[in-house]
Amino acid sequence: MQDVVGDISIKFGEVATIISKMIDSLLDVIKLYEEVMAMEGYNEEFLGDAFDYLEQSDTLEKAFMAKNQNLCKVWLERFKRQQ
């Protein structure tokens, strides 16, 4: 019986870890969205496209979020030329 309780406890811990990671991921997406949409000088549709592109890659998302506002604008201009 203790083995069953121990197994259930382990499974609940694993589920809690997965839920925590999902919440962290959602918060990262929300932060990215807010950061991209706050950029001035671009229309909403373009910024939405840039967000969609960045959100597809965890590496791109992290790199964009690490940049200062000037470098984010440089990235957006390069992305705009590729459109």
N, C-alpha and C. Protein backbone atom coordinates (compact mmCIF):
# COMPACT_ATOMS: atom_id res chain seq x y z
N MET A 1 0.82 -1.19 0.00
CA MET A 1 0.00 0.00 0.00
C MET A 1 0.87 1.26 0.00
N GLN A 2 1.94 1.21 0.80
CA GLN A 2 2.82 2.38 0.85
C GLN A 2 3.48 2.63 -0.50
N ASP A 3 3.79 1.56 -1.22
CA ASP A 3 4.37 1.71 -2.55
C ASP A 3 3.42 2.43 -3.49
N VAL A 4 2.14 2.10 -3.41
CA VAL A 4 1.13 2.74 -4.26
C VAL A 4 1.02 4.21 -3.91
N VAL A 5 0.98 4.51 -2.62
CA VAL A 5 0.90 5.90 -2.17
C VAL A 5 2.15 6.66 -2.62
N GLY A 6 3.30 6.03 -2.50
CA GLY A 6 4.55 6.65 -2.94
C GLY A 6 4.55 6.91 -4.43
N ASP A 7 4.07 5.95 -5.21
CA ASP A 7 3.99 6.13 -6.67
C ASP A 7 3.04 7.26 -7.04
N ILE A 8 1.90 7.31 -6.35
CA ILE A 8 0.93 8.39 -6.62
C ILE A 8 1.54 9.74 -6.27
N SER A 9 2.25 9.78 -5.16
CA SER A 9 2.91 11.03 -4.74
C SER A 9 3.93 11.48 -5.78
N ILE A 10 4.69 10.55 -6.30
CA ILE A 10 5.68 10.88 -7.34
C ILE A 10 4.98 11.40 -8.59
N LYS A 11 3.90 10.75 -8.98
CA LYS A 11 3.16 11.18 -10.18
C LYS A 11 2.57 12.57 -9.99
N PHE A 12 2.02 12.86 -8.80
CA PHE A 12 1.50 14.19 -8.53
C PHE A 12 2.62 15.24 -8.62
N GLY A 13 3.79 14.89 -8.13
CA GLY A 13 4.93 15.80 -8.23
C GLY A 13 5.31 16.06 -9.67
N GLU A 14 5.29 15.02 -10.49
CA GLU A 14 5.60 15.17 -11.92
C GLU A 14 4.57 16.05 -12.61
N VAL A 15 3.29 15.84 -12.29
CA VAL A 15 2.22 16.65 -12.88
C VAL A 15 2.39 18.11 -12.46
N ALA A 16 2.69 18.35 -11.19
CA ALA A 16 2.89 19.71 -10.71
C ALA A 16 4.05 20.39 -11.43
N THR A 17 5.12 19.66 -11.68
CA THR A 17 6.27 20.21 -12.40
C THR A 17 5.89 20.58 -13.83
N ILE A 18 5.14 19.71 -14.48
CA ILE A 18 4.71 19.98 -15.86
C ILE A 18 3.81 21.21 -15.91
N ILE A 19 2.87 21.31 -14.97
CA ILE A 19 1.97 22.47 -14.93
C ILE A 19 2.77 23.74 -14.69
N SER A 20 3.74 23.69 -13.79
CA SER A 20 4.59 24.85 -13.51
C SER A 20 5.35 25.30 -14.76
N LYS A 21 5.88 24.35 -15.52
CA LYS A 21 6.60 24.68 -16.75
C LYS A 21 5.66 25.29 -17.79
N MET A 22 4.44 24.78 -17.86
CA MET A 22 3.46 25.32 -18.81
C MET A 22 3.11 26.76 -18.46
N ILE A 23 2.94 27.04 -17.17
CA ILE A 23 2.62 28.40 -16.73
C ILE A 23 3.79 29.33 -17.03
N ASP A 24 5.02 28.90 -16.74
CA ASP A 24 6.19 29.72 -17.05
C ASP A 24 6.28 30.02 -18.53
N SER A 25 6.00 29.03 -19.35
CA SER A 25 6.04 29.21 -20.81
C SER A 25 4.99 30.21 -21.25
N LEU A 26 3.79 30.12 -20.69
CA LEU A 26 2.72 31.06 -21.02
C LEU A 26 3.10 32.47 -20.63
N LEU A 27 3.70 32.63 -19.45
CA LEU A 27 4.13 33.95 -19.00
C LEU A 27 5.20 34.52 -19.92
N ASP A 28 6.12 33.67 -20.40
CA ASP A 28 7.14 34.13 -21.34
C ASP A 28 6.51 34.61 -22.64
N VAL A 29 5.49 33.91 -23.12
CA VAL A 29 4.80 34.31 -24.35
C VAL A 29 4.10 35.64 -24.15
N ILE A 30 3.47 35.82 -23.00
CA ILE A 30 2.79 37.08 -22.71
C ILE A 30 3.79 38.23 -22.65
N LYS A 31 4.93 38.01 -22.01
CA LYS A 31 5.97 39.05 -21.93
C LYS A 31 6.48 39.40 -23.33
N LEU A 32 6.71 38.39 -24.15
CA LEU A 32 7.17 38.63 -25.52
C LEU A 32 6.14 39.45 -26.28
N TYR A 33 4.87 39.07 -26.17
CA TYR A 33 3.80 39.79 -26.86
C TYR A 33 3.77 41.26 -26.44
N GLU A 34 3.83 41.50 -25.14
CA GLU A 34 3.81 42.87 -24.64
C GLU A 34 5.01 43.66 -25.14
N GLU A 35 6.18 43.04 -25.13
CA GLU A 35 7.40 43.71 -25.58
C GLU A 35 7.33 44.07 -27.06
N VAL A 36 6.91 43.12 -27.88
CA VAL A 36 6.83 43.36 -29.32
C VAL A 36 5.78 44.42 -29.62
N MET A 37 4.60 44.29 -29.04
CA MET A 37 3.50 45.20 -29.36
C MET A 37 3.75 46.61 -28.83
N ALA A 38 4.68 46.77 -27.90
CA ALA A 38 4.99 48.10 -27.35
C ALA A 38 5.96 48.88 -28.23
N MET A 39 6.52 48.24 -29.25
CA MET A 39 7.48 48.93 -30.11
C MET A 39 6.77 50.01 -30.92
N GLU A 40 7.31 51.20 -30.88
CA GLU A 40 6.69 52.34 -31.57
C GLU A 40 7.20 52.44 -33.00
N GLY A 41 6.34 52.97 -33.87
CA GLY A 41 6.72 53.22 -35.25
C GLY A 41 6.33 52.11 -36.22
N TYR A 42 5.59 51.12 -35.73
CA TYR A 42 5.17 50.00 -36.58
C TYR A 42 3.67 49.78 -36.41
N ASN A 43 3.03 49.31 -37.48
CA ASN A 43 1.60 49.05 -37.35
C ASN A 43 1.35 47.74 -36.62
N GLU A 44 0.15 47.61 -36.10
CA GLU A 44 -0.20 46.46 -35.27
C GLU A 44 -0.09 45.14 -36.03
N GLU A 45 -0.49 45.13 -37.29
CA GLU A 45 -0.44 43.90 -38.09
C GLU A 45 1.00 43.41 -38.26
N PHE A 46 1.92 44.34 -38.56
CA PHE A 46 3.32 43.98 -38.71
C PHE A 46 3.88 43.42 -37.40
N LEU A 47 3.58 44.11 -36.29
CA LEU A 47 4.08 43.64 -35.00
C LEU A 47 3.50 42.27 -34.65
N GLY A 48 2.25 42.05 -35.02
CA GLY A 48 1.64 40.74 -34.80
C GLY A 48 2.37 39.66 -35.59
N ASP A 49 2.74 39.97 -36.83
CA ASP A 49 3.50 39.01 -37.64
C ASP A 49 4.87 38.74 -37.03
N ALA A 50 5.52 39.80 -36.53
CA ALA A 50 6.83 39.64 -35.90
C ALA A 50 6.71 38.76 -34.65
N PHE A 51 5.68 39.00 -33.86
CA PHE A 51 5.45 38.18 -32.67
C PHE A 51 5.25 36.71 -33.05
N ASP A 52 4.40 36.47 -34.04
CA ASP A 52 4.14 35.09 -34.48
C ASP A 52 5.44 34.40 -34.91
N TYR A 53 6.29 35.14 -35.62
CA TYR A 53 7.56 34.58 -36.09
C TYR A 53 8.48 34.26 -34.90
N LEU A 54 8.61 35.21 -33.98
CA LEU A 54 9.49 35.02 -32.83
C LEU A 54 9.01 33.89 -31.93
N GLU A 55 7.70 33.77 -31.79
CA GLU A 55 7.12 32.80 -30.87
C GLU A 55 7.34 31.36 -31.34
N GLN A 56 7.64 31.19 -32.61
CA GLN A 56 7.86 29.85 -33.15
C GLN A 56 9.18 29.23 -32.68
N SER A 57 10.11 30.06 -32.23
CA SER A 57 11.42 29.55 -31.84
C SER A 57 11.80 30.08 -30.46
N ASP A 58 12.04 29.17 -29.54
CA ASP A 58 12.43 29.55 -28.19
C ASP A 58 13.73 30.36 -28.20
N THR A 59 14.64 30.00 -29.09
CA THR A 59 15.92 30.71 -29.19
C THR A 59 15.72 32.14 -29.68
N LEU A 60 14.91 32.33 -30.72
CA LEU A 60 14.64 33.68 -31.23
C LEU A 60 13.93 34.52 -30.18
N GLU A 61 12.98 33.90 -29.50
CA GLU A 61 12.23 34.60 -28.46
C GLU A 61 13.16 35.11 -27.37
N LYS A 62 14.04 34.25 -26.89
CA LYS A 62 14.97 34.63 -25.82
C LYS A 62 15.94 35.70 -26.29
N ALA A 63 16.43 35.58 -27.52
CA ALA A 63 17.37 36.57 -28.05
C ALA A 63 16.71 37.94 -28.17
N PHE A 64 15.48 37.97 -28.67
CA PHE A 64 14.76 39.24 -28.80
C PHE A 64 14.54 39.88 -27.42
N MET A 65 14.13 39.07 -26.46
CA MET A 65 13.85 39.60 -25.13
C MET A 65 15.11 40.09 -24.42
N ALA A 66 16.27 39.58 -24.80
CA ALA A 66 17.52 39.99 -24.16
C ALA A 66 18.03 41.32 -24.71
N LYS A 67 17.54 41.73 -25.88
CA LYS A 67 18.04 42.94 -26.53
C LYS A 67 17.42 44.19 -25.94
N ASN A 68 18.18 45.30 -26.04
CA ASN A 68 17.62 46.58 -25.64
C ASN A 68 16.69 47.08 -26.75
N GLN A 69 16.00 48.17 -26.49
CA GLN A 69 14.99 48.66 -27.44
C GLN A 69 15.59 48.99 -28.81
N ASN A 70 16.77 49.58 -28.83
CA ASN A 70 17.41 49.92 -30.10
C ASN A 70 17.69 48.66 -30.93
N LEU A 71 18.24 47.64 -30.30
CA LEU A 71 18.53 46.40 -31.03
C LEU A 71 17.25 45.67 -31.45
N CYS A 72 16.19 45.80 -30.65
CA CYS A 72 14.90 45.22 -31.06
C CYS A 72 14.40 45.91 -32.33
N LYS A 73 14.57 47.22 -32.40
CA LYS A 73 14.14 47.95 -33.60
C LYS A 73 14.98 47.54 -34.81
N VAL A 74 16.27 47.32 -34.61
CA VAL A 74 17.12 46.84 -35.70
C VAL A 74 16.61 45.49 -36.18
N TRP A 75 16.28 44.60 -35.24
CA TRP A 75 15.76 43.28 -35.62
C TRP A 75 14.45 43.43 -36.40
N LEU A 76 13.57 44.30 -35.93
CA LEU A 76 12.29 44.51 -36.61
C LEU A 76 12.48 45.05 -38.03
N GLU A 77 13.44 45.95 -38.20
CA GLU A 77 13.70 46.49 -39.54
C GLU A 77 14.21 45.39 -40.48
N ARG A 78 15.07 44.54 -39.97
CA ARG A 78 15.56 43.42 -40.80
C ARG A 78 14.41 42.46 -41.14
N PHE A 79 13.57 42.19 -40.17
CA PHE A 79 12.42 41.33 -40.39
C PHE A 79 11.48 41.96 -41.43
N LYS A 80 11.32 43.26 -41.35
CA LYS A 80 10.45 43.99 -42.28
C LYS A 80 10.95 43.85 -43.72
N ARG A 81 12.26 43.92 -43.90
CA ARG A 81 12.84 43.80 -45.24
C ARG A 81 12.65 42.40 -45.82
N GLN A 82 12.55 41.41 -44.96
CA GLN A 82 12.36 40.03 -45.41
C GLN A 82 10.91 39.74 -45.80
N GLN A 83 10.02 40.60 -45.39
CA GLN A 83 8.58 40.38 -45.67
C GLN A 83 8.25 40.56 -47.12
